[in-house]
Amino acid sequence: MTSEHNHPVHSKEERIKALLEQVSAYIEQYHGGSVEFISLEGDILKVRVGGACLGCPLLPSTLQGWVAGTIHQFFPEIEVVDVD
């Protein structure tokens, strides 16, 4: 969908934030953790994990599998990194 000036109604950052919110809601509901949007700088998406994810040995799998995997389905060029 475009506006009257032929610009996307939702920016790439807004679409990524919305997608990340859905992933976070799933992680929170089923695992007690969360993932928060920090910034999008070029093709680098910075996120912060929280809740039960902190200190969990499966965090790298969650971050790369659930978070990055989902983002890559829609935005294959984006690299997801966790900020401490």
Protein backbone atom coordinates (compact mmCIF):
# COMPACT_ATOMS: atom_id res chain seq x y z
CA MET A 1 0.00 0.00 0.00
CA THR A 2 1.30 3.44 -0.87
CA SER A 3 0.44 6.98 0.11
CA GLU A 4 -0.64 9.71 -2.30
CA HIS A 5 3.03 10.57 -2.83
CA ASN A 6 3.80 6.95 -3.81
CA HIS A 7 5.86 6.23 -0.67
CA PRO A 8 5.36 3.08 1.37
CA VAL A 9 2.90 3.61 4.21
CA HIS A 10 5.04 1.55 6.55
CA SER A 11 8.80 1.88 6.53
CA LYS A 12 11.07 -1.14 6.54
CA GLU A 13 11.92 -0.35 10.18
CA GLU A 14 8.22 -0.27 11.12
CA ARG A 15 7.60 -3.61 9.41
CA ILE A 16 10.61 -5.18 11.17
CA LYS A 17 9.44 -3.80 14.54
CA ALA A 18 5.98 -5.30 14.01
CA LEU A 19 7.45 -8.67 13.05
CA LEU A 20 9.78 -8.60 16.05
CA GLU A 21 6.81 -7.84 18.35
CA GLN A 22 5.06 -10.98 17.07
CA VAL A 23 8.17 -13.10 17.65
CA SER A 24 8.59 -11.61 21.13
CA ALA A 25 4.96 -12.33 22.01
CA TYR A 26 5.46 -15.97 21.05
CA ILE A 27 8.69 -16.26 23.03
CA GLU A 28 7.07 -14.60 26.03
CA GLN A 29 3.98 -16.79 25.95
CA TYR A 30 5.74 -20.11 25.51
CA HIS A 31 9.15 -19.55 27.05
CA GLY A 32 8.86 -16.59 29.44
CA GLY A 33 11.43 -14.55 27.52
CA SER A 34 11.35 -11.50 25.32
CA VAL A 35 13.15 -9.83 22.45
CA GLU A 36 13.20 -6.05 22.12
CA PHE A 37 13.98 -3.87 19.10
CA ILE A 38 16.97 -1.61 19.81
CA SER A 39 17.92 -0.19 16.42
CA LEU A 40 18.15 -0.80 12.70
CA GLU A 41 21.37 0.55 11.25
CA GLY A 42 21.61 -0.26 7.56
CA ASP A 43 21.15 -4.02 7.40
CA ILE A 44 22.06 -4.61 11.07
CA LEU A 45 19.12 -5.20 13.41
CA LYS A 46 20.11 -4.83 17.06
CA VAL A 47 17.90 -6.56 19.61
CA ARG A 48 18.02 -7.18 23.35
CA VAL A 49 16.72 -10.38 24.87
CA GLY A 50 15.20 -10.47 28.32
CA GLY A 51 13.15 -12.47 30.76
CA ALA A 52 13.79 -16.19 30.90
CA CYS A 53 16.12 -15.91 27.87
CA LEU A 54 18.80 -14.27 30.01
CA GLY A 55 21.36 -16.87 30.96
CA CYS A 56 19.56 -19.64 29.11
CA PRO A 57 21.93 -22.03 27.31
CA LEU A 58 19.51 -22.14 24.37
CA LEU A 59 19.72 -18.37 23.81
CA PRO A 60 21.96 -18.63 20.71
CA SER A 61 19.49 -21.09 19.15
CA THR A 62 16.53 -18.87 20.01
CA LEU A 63 18.25 -15.79 18.66
CA GLN A 64 19.38 -17.38 15.40
CA GLY A 65 16.51 -19.83 14.95
CA TRP A 66 13.41 -17.98 16.04
CA VAL A 67 14.40 -14.34 15.81
CA ALA A 68 16.85 -14.21 12.90
CA GLY A 69 15.10 -17.06 11.08
CA THR A 70 11.77 -15.25 11.14
CA ILE A 71 13.28 -11.90 10.15
CA HIS A 72 15.19 -13.55 7.27
CA GLN A 73 11.98 -14.97 5.83
CA PHE A 74 10.84 -11.43 5.07
CA PHE A 75 14.13 -9.50 5.07
CA PRO A 76 16.93 -11.87 3.96
CA GLU A 77 19.49 -9.06 3.91
CA ILE A 78 19.12 -8.25 7.62
CA GLU A 79 21.71 -9.46 10.14
CA VAL A 80 20.35 -9.85 13.69
CA VAL A 81 22.71 -9.14 16.58
CA ASP A 82 22.08 -9.25 20.34
CA VAL A 83 23.25 -6.28 22.39
CA ASP A 84 23.99 -6.94 26.04
